[in-house]
Amino acid sequence: MPATKSKILIRTLLLAGTVISLYFVPWILIWAWILPLPDTVQEQLNEGIEHGFDGTIVYIQQGDHPAEYYAAGWHDRDRMIRAYPEAYFKIASIGKLYDAVAITKLVAEDLISLDKSILEYFPEFAGRIEHAENISVRMLVQHRSGIPNFTDVPNFWMHPPENEEQTLELFLDKPASFAPGTDYAYSNSNYFLLGLLMEKVTKNSKAQVIEKKILEPLKLKNTFFSLNEIDLDKLMSGYYVGVEDDIKSTNYHSMIATAQDVGIFIKALNTGEILTKEENDIYSSIYKYDHTGLIPGYQSIAKYHENIDTVVIQFVNTANFDGYTWSISEIVYGRILKILEKRD
């Protein structure tokens, strides 16, 4: 083949490859990122709805200023109820922060030792959790136990367990993901066991422990542990992309709260209000101070930003594990922060 024809063929193939590759570019993410930054938080939330969210709630509390409340889209799209800031929301893994604080307080009270083997608390799991004799409570808190994550079981989200026994069966007698302490893998099984541990050492339910040690001191009246505790009409509807039905009544055993209640807790955790100095020394050695949450129909971000002394809580009632809703949520959250930083 003559050199000139060869060059033309190569250029044609490169151009075709470029055109084809453009088809796979996540343009919705690029568009969400490059749009001019709005002047207000409300405008940014409205923009998020245009990106495909059904509804959004944002709570902001900066310094000593009064809290700000925002909402956009639908609380319930079928009944055409607009989103409102006081709605209840499934906070999913944000609940792990409450668990970690409760565990910390029990450690400070000498009811739990972080370095004891879980078999010292649960001898019945000998032979049923691989390497259990070498798994410490600390490893559970830090996701370094190697216990497989029960929510990774096929079809878990379609058929969630209904009780404690069914949940245990999802990870007992399963091979470890790795030897204890040698790696990190996020596992809901760890925190399920921590909940059982709270109950064993206090002789109270996990809900009662968190209520006494966190909710009551902070006067949080809109944080719950079960769908049975709430008026379902106040719970923001949950939507999964491609599924028409509202899935809010599906029980994934998530904590439920308003954005305000989560915001007050996050501020108290980060500023030391909910922890003594001794407790904060323990907590800072085992877990983090902010969290995100994601289950079908519900995704959330809860963080305190020290540089602007501000708590920002974002709830979005649209999820898609295989799509772009989470990435768009993070982009929207980041743009809200930029709006707040420009205020200073």
C-alpha atoms as a PDB file:
ATOM      1  CA  MET A   1       0.000   0.000   0.000  1.00  0.00           C
ATOM      2  CA  PRO A   2       1.433   3.436  -0.955  1.00  0.00           C
ATOM      3  CA  ALA A   3       2.507   5.586   2.009  1.00  0.00           C
ATOM      4  CA  THR A   4      -0.071   8.296   1.233  1.00  0.00           C
ATOM      5  CA  LYS A   5      -2.962   5.817   1.199  1.00  0.00           C
ATOM      6  CA  SER A   6      -1.666   4.246   4.386  1.00  0.00           C
ATOM      7  CA  LYS A   7      -1.660   7.631   6.150  1.00  0.00           C
ATOM      8  CA  ILE A   8      -5.196   8.355   4.956  1.00  0.00           C
ATOM      9  CA  LEU A   9      -6.410   4.982   6.255  1.00  0.00           C
ATOM     10  CA  ILE A  10      -4.770   5.524   9.653  1.00  0.00           C
ATOM     11  CA  ARG A  11      -6.239   9.020   9.966  1.00  0.00           C
ATOM     12  CA  THR A  12      -9.671   7.709   8.989  1.00  0.00           C
ATOM     13  CA  LEU A  13      -9.486   4.963  11.601  1.00  0.00           C
ATOM     14  CA  LEU A  14      -8.330   7.428  14.268  1.00  0.00           C
ATOM     15  CA  LEU A  15     -11.169   9.802  13.420  1.00  0.00           C
ATOM     16  CA  ALA A  16     -13.700   6.967  13.503  1.00  0.00           C
ATOM     17  CA  GLY A  17     -12.318   5.830  16.858  1.00  0.00           C
ATOM     18  CA  THR A  18     -12.601   9.354  18.228  1.00  0.00           C
ATOM     19  CA  VAL A  19     -16.210   9.677  17.054  1.00  0.00           C
ATOM     20  CA  ILE A  20     -17.106   6.284  18.540  1.00  0.00           C
ATOM     21  CA  SER A  21     -15.398   7.109  21.841  1.00  0.00           C
ATOM     22  CA  LEU A  22     -17.438  10.311  22.127  1.00  0.00           C
ATOM     23  CA  TYR A  23     -20.545   8.132  22.249  1.00  0.00           C
ATOM     24  CA  PHE A  24     -19.362   6.679  25.549  1.00  0.00           C
ATOM     25  CA  VAL A  25     -18.428   9.979  27.201  1.00  0.00           C
ATOM     26  CA  PRO A  26     -20.728  10.651  30.215  1.00  0.00           C
ATOM     27  CA  TRP A  27     -21.927  13.963  28.819  1.00  0.00           C
ATOM     28  CA  ILE A  28     -24.471  14.432  31.575  1.00  0.00           C
ATOM     29  CA  LEU A  29     -21.635  14.562  34.127  1.00  0.00           C
ATOM     30  CA  ILE A  30     -19.578  16.951  32.034  1.00  0.00           C
ATOM     31  CA  TRP A  31     -22.604  19.190  31.516  1.00  0.00           C
ATOM     32  CA  ALA A  32     -23.428  19.201  35.249  1.00  0.00           C
ATOM     33  CA  TRP A  33     -19.819  20.134  35.997  1.00  0.00           C
ATOM     34  CA  ILE A  34     -19.215  22.880  33.405  1.00  0.00           C
ATOM     35  CA  LEU A  35     -22.482  24.800  33.722  1.00  0.00           C
ATOM     36  CA  PRO A  36     -22.035  28.342  35.082  1.00  0.00           C
ATOM     37  CA  LEU A  37     -22.229  28.329  38.869  1.00  0.00           C
ATOM     38  CA  PRO A  38     -25.606  29.671  40.059  1.00  0.00           C
ATOM     39  CA  ASP A  39     -25.766  32.508  42.564  1.00  0.00           C
ATOM     40  CA  THR A  40     -27.930  30.649  45.073  1.00  0.00           C
ATOM     41  CA  VAL A  41     -28.271  27.215  46.629  1.00  0.00           C
ATOM     42  CA  GLN A  42     -31.893  27.027  45.523  1.00  0.00           C
ATOM     43  CA  GLU A  43     -30.928  27.595  41.897  1.00  0.00           C
ATOM     44  CA  GLN A  44     -28.366  24.788  42.186  1.00  0.00           C
ATOM     45  CA  LEU A  45     -30.995  22.408  43.578  1.00  0.00           C
ATOM     46  CA  ASN A  46     -33.353  23.307  40.745  1.00  0.00           C
ATOM     47  CA  GLU A  47     -30.531  22.553  38.327  1.00  0.00           C
ATOM     48  CA  GLY A  48     -30.110  19.135  39.949  1.00  0.00           C
ATOM     49  CA  ILE A  49     -33.727  18.327  39.170  1.00  0.00           C
ATOM     50  CA  GLU A  50     -32.995  19.119  35.519  1.00  0.00           C
ATOM     51  CA  HIS A  51     -30.177  16.540  35.675  1.00  0.00           C
ATOM     52  CA  GLY A  52     -32.689  13.820  36.563  1.00  0.00           C
ATOM     53  CA  PHE A  53     -33.276  13.936  40.318  1.00  0.00           C
ATOM     54  CA  ASP A  54     -36.855  13.452  41.463  1.00  0.00           C
ATOM     55  CA  GLY A  55     -36.405  15.419  44.668  1.00  0.00           C
ATOM     56  CA  THR A  56     -33.694  16.984  46.797  1.00  0.00           C
ATOM     57  CA  ILE A  57     -33.392  18.371  50.321  1.00  0.00           C
ATOM     58  CA  VAL A  58     -30.458  20.408  51.599  1.00  0.00           C
ATOM     59  CA  TYR A  59     -29.758  21.628  55.135  1.00  0.00           C
ATOM     60  CA  ILE A  60     -27.029  24.183  55.807  1.00  0.00           C
ATOM     61  CA  GLN A  61     -25.843  25.529  59.134  1.00  0.00           C
ATOM     62  CA  GLN A  62     -22.902  27.918  59.120  1.00  0.00           C
ATOM     63  CA  GLY A  63     -21.172  29.154  62.273  1.00  0.00           C
ATOM     64  CA  ASP A  64     -23.643  30.822  64.594  1.00  0.00           C
ATOM     65  CA  HIS A  65     -26.047  31.696  61.804  1.00  0.00           C
ATOM     66  CA  PRO A  66     -29.589  30.272  61.702  1.00  0.00           C
ATOM     67  CA  ALA A  67     -29.955  27.056  59.737  1.00  0.00           C
ATOM     68  CA  GLU A  68     -31.006  27.240  56.084  1.00  0.00           C
ATOM     69  CA  TYR A  69     -33.477  24.815  54.541  1.00  0.00           C
ATOM     70  CA  TYR A  70     -33.901  24.070  50.842  1.00  0.00           C
ATOM     71  CA  ALA A  71     -35.907  21.643  48.740  1.00  0.00           C
ATOM     72  CA  ALA A  72     -36.623  21.042  45.051  1.00  0.00           C
ATOM     73  CA  GLY A  73     -38.591  18.548  42.994  1.00  0.00           C
ATOM     74  CA  TRP A  74     -40.985  15.968  44.360  1.00  0.00           C
ATOM     75  CA  HIS A  75     -41.587  14.547  47.804  1.00  0.00           C
ATOM     76  CA  ASP A  76     -44.063  12.190  46.105  1.00  0.00           C
ATOM     77  CA  ARG A  77     -44.269  12.494  42.341  1.00  0.00           C
ATOM     78  CA  ASP A  78     -47.333  10.256  41.965  1.00  0.00           C
ATOM     79  CA  ARG A  79     -49.384  12.449  44.290  1.00  0.00           C
ATOM     80  CA  MET A  80     -47.632  15.593  43.053  1.00  0.00           C
ATOM     81  CA  ILE A  81     -46.497  16.620  46.538  1.00  0.00           C
ATOM     82  CA  ARG A  82     -43.593  19.035  46.352  1.00  0.00           C
ATOM     83  CA  ALA A  83     -40.392  18.280  48.259  1.00  0.00           C
ATOM     84  CA  TYR A  84     -40.116  20.014  51.627  1.00  0.00           C
ATOM     85  CA  PRO A  85     -37.144  20.288  54.024  1.00  0.00           C
ATOM     86  CA  GLU A  86     -38.831  18.741  57.067  1.00  0.00           C
ATOM     87  CA  ALA A  87     -39.502  15.385  55.381  1.00  0.00           C
ATOM     88  CA  TYR A  88     -38.175  12.124  56.784  1.00  0.00           C
ATOM     89  CA  PHE A  89     -35.472  10.359  54.775  1.00  0.00           C
ATOM     90  CA  LYS A  90     -33.726   6.965  54.873  1.00  0.00           C
ATOM     91  CA  ILE A  91     -30.151   7.914  55.803  1.00  0.00           C
ATOM     92  CA  ALA A  92     -28.640   4.461  55.091  1.00  0.00           C
ATOM     93  CA  SER A  93     -24.931   4.242  55.980  1.00  0.00           C
ATOM     94  CA  ILE A  94     -24.843   7.651  57.636  1.00  0.00           C
ATOM     95  CA  GLY A  95     -26.245   5.614  60.515  1.00  0.00           C
ATOM     96  CA  LYS A  96     -22.790   4.068  60.976  1.00  0.00           C
ATOM     97  CA  LEU A  97     -21.633   7.343  62.520  1.00  0.00           C
ATOM     98  CA  TYR A  98     -24.268   6.967  65.240  1.00  0.00           C
ATOM     99  CA  ASP A  99     -23.151   3.361  65.775  1.00  0.00           C
ATOM    100  CA  ALA A 100     -19.495   4.372  66.045  1.00  0.00           C
ATOM    101  CA  VAL A 101     -20.299   7.116  68.570  1.00  0.00           C
ATOM    102  CA  ALA A 102     -22.373   4.707  70.665  1.00  0.00           C
ATOM    103  CA  ILE A 103     -19.590   2.099  70.602  1.00  0.00           C
ATOM    104  CA  THR A 104     -17.094   4.790  71.626  1.00  0.00           C
ATOM    105  CA  LYS A 105     -19.188   5.745  74.632  1.00  0.00           C
ATOM    106  CA  LEU A 106     -19.504   2.102  75.693  1.00  0.00           C
ATOM    107  CA  VAL A 107     -15.733   1.717  75.378  1.00  0.00           C
ATOM    108  CA  ALA A 108     -15.257   4.775  77.605  1.00  0.00           C
ATOM    109  CA  GLU A 109     -17.589   3.147  80.143  1.00  0.00           C
ATOM    110  CA  ASP A 110     -15.477  -0.051  80.047  1.00  0.00           C
ATOM    111  CA  LEU A 111     -18.427  -2.064  78.781  1.00  0.00           C
ATOM    112  CA  ILE A 112     -16.594  -2.875  75.537  1.00  0.00           C
ATOM    113  CA  SER A 113     -12.906  -3.372  74.754  1.00  0.00           C
ATOM    114  CA  LEU A 114     -11.841  -2.449  71.231  1.00  0.00           C
ATOM    115  CA  ASP A 115      -9.059  -5.016  71.241  1.00  0.00           C
ATOM    116  CA  LYS A 116     -10.988  -8.023  72.496  1.00  0.00           C
ATOM    117  CA  SER A 117     -11.830 -10.785  70.044  1.00  0.00           C
ATOM    118  CA  ILE A 118     -15.443 -10.901  68.965  1.00  0.00           C
ATOM    119  CA  LEU A 119     -15.508 -14.487  70.250  1.00  0.00           C
ATOM    120  CA  GLU A 120     -15.191 -13.122  73.783  1.00  0.00           C
ATOM    121  CA  TYR A 121     -18.569 -11.500  73.238  1.00  0.00           C
ATOM    122  CA  PHE A 122     -20.084 -14.025  70.825  1.00  0.00           C
ATOM    123  CA  PRO A 123     -18.674 -17.500  71.530  1.00  0.00           C
ATOM    124  CA  GLU A 124     -21.561 -18.931  69.519  1.00  0.00           C
ATOM    125  CA  PHE A 125     -19.900 -17.668  66.321  1.00  0.00           C
ATOM    126  CA  ALA A 126     -16.868 -19.937  66.743  1.00  0.00           C
ATOM    127  CA  GLY A 127     -16.507 -21.902  63.525  1.00  0.00           C
ATOM    128  CA  ARG A 128     -19.195 -19.824  61.845  1.00  0.00           C
ATOM    129  CA  ILE A 129     -17.132 -16.667  61.191  1.00  0.00           C
ATOM    130  CA  GLU A 130     -13.768 -17.502  59.670  1.00  0.00           C
ATOM    131  CA  HIS A 131     -10.825 -16.235  61.779  1.00  0.00           C
ATOM    132  CA  ALA A 132     -13.269 -14.982  64.412  1.00  0.00           C
ATOM    133  CA  GLU A 133     -10.710 -15.540  67.168  1.00  0.00           C
ATOM    134  CA  ASN A 134      -8.472 -12.936  65.497  1.00  0.00           C
ATOM    135  CA  ILE A 135     -11.159 -10.349  64.736  1.00  0.00           C
ATOM    136  CA  SER A 136     -11.268  -7.510  67.239  1.00  0.00           C
ATOM    137  CA  VAL A 137     -14.083  -5.039  67.877  1.00  0.00           C
ATOM    138  CA  ARG A 138     -11.775  -2.346  66.497  1.00  0.00           C
ATOM    139  CA  MET A 139     -11.561  -4.248  63.205  1.00  0.00           C
ATOM    140  CA  LEU A 140     -15.335  -4.309  62.968  1.00  0.00           C
ATOM    141  CA  VAL A 141     -15.540  -0.540  63.397  1.00  0.00           C
ATOM    142  CA  GLN A 142     -12.798   0.050  60.835  1.00  0.00           C
ATOM    143  CA  HIS A 143     -14.022  -2.481  58.239  1.00  0.00           C
ATOM    144  CA  ARG A 144     -10.835  -4.531  58.570  1.00  0.00           C
ATOM    145  CA  SER A 145     -12.374  -7.793  59.762  1.00  0.00           C
ATOM    146  CA  GLY A 146     -12.587  -9.636  56.447  1.00  0.00           C
ATOM    147  CA  ILE A 147     -16.182 -10.648  57.183  1.00  0.00           C
ATOM    148  CA  PRO A 148     -18.049 -10.663  53.839  1.00  0.00           C
ATOM    149  CA  ASN A 149     -20.612  -7.928  53.231  1.00  0.00           C
ATOM    150  CA  PHE A 150     -24.133  -9.347  53.435  1.00  0.00           C
ATOM    151  CA  THR A 151     -25.560  -6.701  51.082  1.00  0.00           C
ATOM    152  CA  ASP A 152     -23.346  -8.133  48.317  1.00  0.00           C
ATOM    153  CA  VAL A 153     -25.393 -11.328  48.278  1.00  0.00           C
ATOM    154  CA  PRO A 154     -27.125 -11.675  44.869  1.00  0.00           C
ATOM    155  CA  ASN A 155     -30.652 -10.217  44.839  1.00  0.00           C
ATOM    156  CA  PHE A 156     -30.223  -8.745  48.334  1.00  0.00           C
ATOM    157  CA  TRP A 157     -31.907  -5.483  47.347  1.00  0.00           C
ATOM    158  CA  MET A 158     -34.817  -7.323  45.750  1.00  0.00           C
ATOM    159  CA  HIS A 159     -35.329  -9.612  48.744  1.00  0.00           C
ATOM    160  CA  PRO A 160     -33.872  -8.017  51.897  1.00  0.00           C
ATOM    161  CA  PRO A 161     -33.860 -10.097  55.108  1.00  0.00           C
ATOM    162  CA  GLU A 162     -36.797  -9.600  57.428  1.00  0.00           C
ATOM    163  CA  ASN A 163     -35.122 -10.255  60.765  1.00  0.00           C
ATOM    164  CA  GLU A 164     -31.852 -10.788  62.640  1.00  0.00           C
ATOM    165  CA  GLU A 165     -31.676 -14.522  61.945  1.00  0.00           C
ATOM    166  CA  GLN A 166     -32.108 -14.075  58.195  1.00  0.00           C
ATOM    167  CA  THR A 167     -29.419 -11.376  58.163  1.00  0.00           C
ATOM    168  CA  LEU A 168     -26.923 -13.568  60.026  1.00  0.00           C
ATOM    169  CA  GLU A 169     -27.473 -16.399  57.578  1.00  0.00           C
ATOM    170  CA  LEU A 170     -26.260 -14.144  54.770  1.00  0.00           C
ATOM    171  CA  PHE A 171     -22.693 -14.008  56.108  1.00  0.00           C
ATOM    172  CA  LEU A 172     -22.217 -16.781  58.657  1.00  0.00           C
ATOM    173  CA  ASP A 173     -20.369 -19.871  57.361  1.00  0.00           C
ATOM    174  CA  LYS A 174     -19.026 -17.888  54.400  1.00  0.00           C
ATOM    175  CA  PRO A 175     -15.311 -17.660  53.553  1.00  0.00           C
ATOM    176  CA  ALA A 176     -13.506 -14.535  54.735  1.00  0.00           C
ATOM    177  CA  SER A 177     -12.633 -11.845  52.200  1.00  0.00           C
ATOM    178  CA  PHE A 178      -9.151 -11.602  53.742  1.00  0.00           C
ATOM    179  CA  ALA A 179      -7.288 -12.341  56.966  1.00  0.00           C
ATOM    180  CA  PRO A 180      -8.294  -9.982  59.801  1.00  0.00           C
ATOM    181  CA  GLY A 181      -6.363  -6.731  59.877  1.00  0.00           C
ATOM    182  CA  THR A 182      -4.573  -7.272  56.568  1.00  0.00           C
ATOM    183  CA  ASP A 183      -6.866  -5.261  54.315  1.00  0.00           C
ATOM    184  CA  TYR A 184      -9.918  -2.991  54.178  1.00  0.00           C
ATOM    185  CA  ALA A 185     -13.334  -3.807  52.731  1.00  0.00           C
ATOM    186  CA  TYR A 186     -16.524  -1.909  53.524  1.00  0.00           C
ATOM    187  CA  SER A 187     -18.922  -4.416  55.037  1.00  0.00           C
ATOM    188  CA  ASN A 188     -22.363  -3.874  56.499  1.00  0.00           C
ATOM    189  CA  SER A 189     -21.881  -7.179  58.324  1.00  0.00           C
ATOM    190  CA  ASN A 190     -19.383  -5.443  60.625  1.00  0.00           C
ATOM    191  CA  TYR A 191     -21.905  -2.885  61.782  1.00  0.00           C
ATOM    192  CA  PHE A 192     -24.668  -5.418  62.098  1.00  0.00           C
ATOM    193  CA  LEU A 193     -22.445  -7.259  64.601  1.00  0.00           C
ATOM    194  CA  LEU A 194     -21.671  -3.991  66.400  1.00  0.00           C
ATOM    195  CA  GLY A 195     -25.398  -3.477  66.852  1.00  0.00           C
ATOM    196  CA  LEU A 196     -25.689  -6.934  68.408  1.00  0.00           C
ATOM    197  CA  LEU A 197     -22.712  -6.102  70.623  1.00  0.00           C
ATOM    198  CA  MET A 198     -24.374  -2.934  71.923  1.00  0.00           C
ATOM    199  CA  GLU A 199     -27.433  -4.955  72.815  1.00  0.00           C
ATOM    200  CA  LYS A 200     -25.445  -7.708  74.517  1.00  0.00           C
ATOM    201  CA  VAL A 201     -23.402  -5.471  76.834  1.00  0.00           C
ATOM    202  CA  THR A 202     -26.208  -3.045  77.729  1.00  0.00           C
ATOM    203  CA  LYS A 203     -29.195  -5.427  77.784  1.00  0.00           C
ATOM    204  CA  ASN A 204     -31.024  -2.780  75.743  1.00  0.00           C
ATOM    205  CA  SER A 205     -31.843  -2.532  72.056  1.00  0.00           C
ATOM    206  CA  LYS A 206     -29.456  -0.706  69.760  1.00  0.00           C
ATOM    207  CA  ALA A 207     -32.147   1.929  69.269  1.00  0.00           C
ATOM    208  CA  GLN A 208     -32.404   2.477  73.012  1.00  0.00           C
ATOM    209  CA  VAL A 209     -28.624   2.842  73.309  1.00  0.00           C
ATOM    210  CA  ILE A 210     -28.426   5.458  70.554  1.00  0.00           C
ATOM    211  CA  GLU A 211     -31.511   7.208  71.890  1.00  0.00           C
ATOM    212  CA  LYS A 212     -29.999   7.559  75.361  1.00  0.00           C
ATOM    213  CA  LYS A 213     -26.443   8.422  74.351  1.00  0.00           C
ATOM    214  CA  ILE A 214     -27.022  10.626  71.299  1.00  0.00           C
ATOM    215  CA  LEU A 215     -30.594  11.591  70.523  1.00  0.00           C
ATOM    216  CA  GLU A 216     -31.670  12.659  74.022  1.00  0.00           C
ATOM    217  CA  PRO A 217     -28.592  14.792  74.792  1.00  0.00           C
ATOM    218  CA  LEU A 218     -28.945  16.558  71.428  1.00  0.00           C
ATOM    219  CA  LYS A 219     -32.741  16.783  71.729  1.00  0.00           C
ATOM    220  CA  LEU A 220     -33.267  15.102  68.375  1.00  0.00           C
ATOM    221  CA  LYS A 221     -36.955  14.303  68.014  1.00  0.00           C
ATOM    222  CA  ASN A 222     -37.024  13.374  64.340  1.00  0.00           C
ATOM    223  CA  THR A 223     -34.625  10.427  64.156  1.00  0.00           C
ATOM    224  CA  PHE A 224     -36.075   6.924  63.994  1.00  0.00           C
ATOM    225  CA  PHE A 225     -35.028   3.306  63.638  1.00  0.00           C
ATOM    226  CA  SER A 226     -37.981   1.673  61.918  1.00  0.00           C
ATOM    227  CA  LEU A 227     -40.669   2.333  59.342  1.00  0.00           C
ATOM    228  CA  ASN A 228     -43.116   1.304  62.036  1.00  0.00           C
ATOM    229  CA  GLU A 229     -42.223   4.373  64.118  1.00  0.00           C
ATOM    230  CA  ILE A 230     -43.194   6.988  61.559  1.00  0.00           C
ATOM    231  CA  ASP A 231     -46.034   8.394  59.518  1.00  0.00           C
ATOM    232  CA  LEU A 232     -45.146   7.031  56.062  1.00  0.00           C
ATOM    233  CA  ASP A 233     -46.677  10.092  54.402  1.00  0.00           C
ATOM    234  CA  LYS A 234     -43.865  12.159  55.933  1.00  0.00           C
ATOM    235  CA  LEU A 235     -41.193   9.846  54.496  1.00  0.00           C
ATOM    236  CA  MET A 236     -39.825  11.173  51.204  1.00  0.00           C
ATOM    237  CA  SER A 237     -40.616   8.794  48.377  1.00  0.00           C
ATOM    238  CA  GLY A 238     -37.739   6.747  46.976  1.00  0.00           C
ATOM    239  CA  TYR A 239     -37.187   6.109  43.279  1.00  0.00           C
ATOM    240  CA  TYR A 240     -34.822   3.810  41.420  1.00  0.00           C
ATOM    241  CA  VAL A 241     -34.064   4.751  37.831  1.00  0.00           C
ATOM    242  CA  GLY A 242     -36.069   2.531  35.489  1.00  0.00           C
ATOM    243  CA  VAL A 243     -38.578   1.512  38.174  1.00  0.00           C
ATOM    244  CA  GLU A 244     -41.840   3.423  38.126  1.00  0.00           C
ATOM    245  CA  ASP A 245     -43.021   2.443  41.593  1.00  0.00           C
ATOM    246  CA  ASP A 246     -42.288   4.362  44.773  1.00  0.00           C
ATOM    247  CA  ILE A 247     -40.134   1.970  46.837  1.00  0.00           C
ATOM    248  CA  LYS A 248     -40.179   3.821  50.159  1.00  0.00           C
ATOM    249  CA  SER A 249     -42.084   1.041  51.946  1.00  0.00           C
ATOM    250  CA  THR A 250     -39.386  -1.552  51.134  1.00  0.00           C
ATOM    251  CA  ASN A 251     -37.667  -2.223  54.442  1.00  0.00           C
ATOM    252  CA  TYR A 252     -33.856  -2.132  54.359  1.00  0.00           C
ATOM    253  CA  HIS A 253     -33.746  -1.440  58.121  1.00  0.00           C
ATOM    254  CA  SER A 254     -32.266   2.001  57.575  1.00  0.00           C
ATOM    255  CA  MET A 255     -32.322   4.744  60.165  1.00  0.00           C
ATOM    256  CA  ILE A 256     -34.705   7.546  59.233  1.00  0.00           C
ATOM    257  CA  ALA A 257     -34.269  11.227  60.021  1.00  0.00           C
ATOM    258  CA  THR A 258     -34.823  14.780  58.892  1.00  0.00           C
ATOM    259  CA  ALA A 259     -31.950  16.695  57.342  1.00  0.00           C
ATOM    260  CA  GLN A 260     -31.984  19.016  60.342  1.00  0.00           C
ATOM    261  CA  ASP A 261     -31.564  16.177  62.840  1.00  0.00           C
ATOM    262  CA  VAL A 262     -28.662  14.745  60.834  1.00  0.00           C
ATOM    263  CA  GLY A 263     -27.116  18.196  60.563  1.00  0.00           C
ATOM    264  CA  ILE A 264     -27.306  18.830  64.302  1.00  0.00           C
ATOM    265  CA  PHE A 265     -25.686  15.441  64.969  1.00  0.00           C
ATOM    266  CA  ILE A 266     -22.891  15.992  62.421  1.00  0.00           C
ATOM    267  CA  LYS A 267     -22.101  19.421  63.882  1.00  0.00           C
ATOM    268  CA  ALA A 268     -22.065  18.007  67.432  1.00  0.00           C
ATOM    269  CA  LEU A 269     -19.798  15.137  66.372  1.00  0.00           C
ATOM    270  CA  ASN A 270     -17.297  17.406  64.645  1.00  0.00           C
ATOM    271  CA  THR A 271     -17.202  20.171  67.233  1.00  0.00           C
ATOM    272  CA  GLY A 272     -16.999  17.885  70.265  1.00  0.00           C
ATOM    273  CA  GLU A 273     -20.428  18.588  71.708  1.00  0.00           C
ATOM    274  CA  ILE A 274     -21.484  14.950  71.798  1.00  0.00           C
ATOM    275  CA  LEU A 275     -18.119  13.488  72.876  1.00  0.00           C
ATOM    276  CA  THR A 276     -15.991  14.147  75.938  1.00  0.00           C
ATOM    277  CA  LYS A 277     -12.261  14.665  75.372  1.00  0.00           C
ATOM    278  CA  GLU A 278     -11.608  11.048  76.384  1.00  0.00           C
ATOM    279  CA  GLU A 279     -14.340   9.812  74.060  1.00  0.00           C
ATOM    280  CA  ASN A 280     -13.088  11.964  71.186  1.00  0.00           C
ATOM    281  CA  ASP A 281      -9.589  10.537  71.612  1.00  0.00           C
ATOM    282  CA  ILE A 282     -11.089   7.060  71.272  1.00  0.00           C
ATOM    283  CA  TYR A 283     -13.373   7.979  68.392  1.00  0.00           C
ATOM    284  CA  SER A 284     -10.683   9.758  66.371  1.00  0.00           C
ATOM    285  CA  SER A 285      -8.582   6.577  66.497  1.00  0.00           C
ATOM    286  CA  ILE A 286     -11.293   4.337  65.059  1.00  0.00           C
ATOM    287  CA  TYR A 287     -13.666   6.132  62.690  1.00  0.00           C
ATOM    288  CA  LYS A 288     -14.359   9.178  60.552  1.00  0.00           C
ATOM    289  CA  TYR A 289     -16.500  12.270  61.115  1.00  0.00           C
ATOM    290  CA  ASP A 290     -18.609  12.397  57.970  1.00  0.00           C
ATOM    291  CA  HIS A 291     -20.411   9.837  55.853  1.00  0.00           C
ATOM    292  CA  THR A 292     -22.509   9.130  52.802  1.00  0.00           C
ATOM    293  CA  GLY A 293     -25.456   6.814  52.364  1.00  0.00           C
ATOM    294  CA  LEU A 294     -26.827   4.848  49.410  1.00  0.00           C
ATOM    295  CA  ILE A 295     -29.677   2.363  49.190  1.00  0.00           C
ATOM    296  CA  PRO A 296     -32.302   1.943  46.455  1.00  0.00           C
ATOM    297  CA  GLY A 297     -34.231   5.206  46.203  1.00  0.00           C
ATOM    298  CA  TYR A 298     -32.090   7.167  48.646  1.00  0.00           C
ATOM    299  CA  GLN A 299     -28.640   8.740  48.487  1.00  0.00           C
ATOM    300  CA  SER A 300     -27.218  11.188  50.992  1.00  0.00           C
ATOM    301  CA  ILE A 301     -24.128  13.162  51.955  1.00  0.00           C
ATOM    302  CA  ALA A 302     -23.485  14.446  55.480  1.00  0.00           C
ATOM    303  CA  LYS A 303     -20.364  16.513  56.145  1.00  0.00           C
ATOM    304  CA  TYR A 304     -18.958  19.314  58.266  1.00  0.00           C
ATOM    305  CA  HIS A 305     -16.583  21.666  56.445  1.00  0.00           C
ATOM    306  CA  GLU A 306     -14.173  23.153  58.941  1.00  0.00           C
ATOM    307  CA  ASN A 307     -12.747  25.748  56.540  1.00  0.00           C
ATOM    308  CA  ILE A 308     -16.122  27.522  56.437  1.00  0.00           C
ATOM    309  CA  ASP A 309     -17.466  26.177  59.760  1.00  0.00           C
ATOM    310  CA  THR A 310     -20.463  24.764  57.945  1.00  0.00           C
ATOM    311  CA  VAL A 311     -22.540  21.607  57.976  1.00  0.00           C
ATOM    312  CA  VAL A 312     -24.106  20.647  54.651  1.00  0.00           C
ATOM    313  CA  ILE A 313     -26.566  17.759  54.449  1.00  0.00           C
ATOM    314  CA  GLN A 314     -27.872  16.677  51.050  1.00  0.00           C
ATOM    315  CA  PHE A 315     -30.657  14.156  50.456  1.00  0.00           C
ATOM    316  CA  VAL A 316     -31.605  12.933  46.956  1.00  0.00           C
ATOM    317  CA  ASN A 317     -34.500  10.508  46.491  1.00  0.00           C
ATOM    318  CA  THR A 318     -33.307   9.095  43.152  1.00  0.00           C
ATOM    319  CA  ALA A 319     -30.736   6.318  42.859  1.00  0.00           C
ATOM    320  CA  ASN A 320     -29.213   4.051  40.258  1.00  0.00           C
ATOM    321  CA  PHE A 321     -26.358   1.764  41.284  1.00  0.00           C
ATOM    322  CA  ASP A 322     -25.230   1.366  37.660  1.00  0.00           C
ATOM    323  CA  GLY A 323     -25.804   4.914  36.429  1.00  0.00           C
ATOM    324  CA  TYR A 324     -24.674   8.445  37.078  1.00  0.00           C
ATOM    325  CA  THR A 325     -27.028   9.621  39.834  1.00  0.00           C
ATOM    326  CA  TRP A 326     -24.372   9.298  42.548  1.00  0.00           C
ATOM    327  CA  SER A 327     -21.742  11.180  40.552  1.00  0.00           C
ATOM    328  CA  ILE A 328     -24.230  13.934  39.733  1.00  0.00           C
ATOM    329  CA  SER A 329     -25.133  14.141  43.418  1.00  0.00           C
ATOM    330  CA  GLU A 330     -21.477  14.675  44.301  1.00  0.00           C
ATOM    331  CA  ILE A 331     -21.127  17.339  41.609  1.00  0.00           C
ATOM    332  CA  VAL A 332     -24.202  19.194  42.878  1.00  0.00           C
ATOM    333  CA  TYR A 333     -22.916  18.970  46.447  1.00  0.00           C
ATOM    334  CA  GLY A 334     -19.525  20.333  45.408  1.00  0.00           C
ATOM    335  CA  ARG A 335     -21.140  23.246  43.580  1.00  0.00           C
ATOM    336  CA  ILE A 336     -23.222  24.073  46.650  1.00  0.00           C
ATOM    337  CA  LEU A 337     -19.969  24.301  48.625  1.00  0.00           C
ATOM    338  CA  LYS A 338     -18.542  26.707  46.041  1.00  0.00           C
ATOM    339  CA  ILE A 339     -21.634  28.897  46.383  1.00  0.00           C
ATOM    340  CA  LEU A 340     -21.191  28.946  50.166  1.00  0.00           C
ATOM    341  CA  GLU A 341     -17.459  29.708  49.909  1.00  0.00           C
ATOM    342  CA  LYS A 342     -18.201  32.677  47.665  1.00  0.00           C
ATOM    343  CA  ARG A 343     -20.328  34.190  50.435  1.00  0.00           C
ATOM    344  CA  ASP A 344     -17.243  34.858  52.559  1.00  0.00           C
END
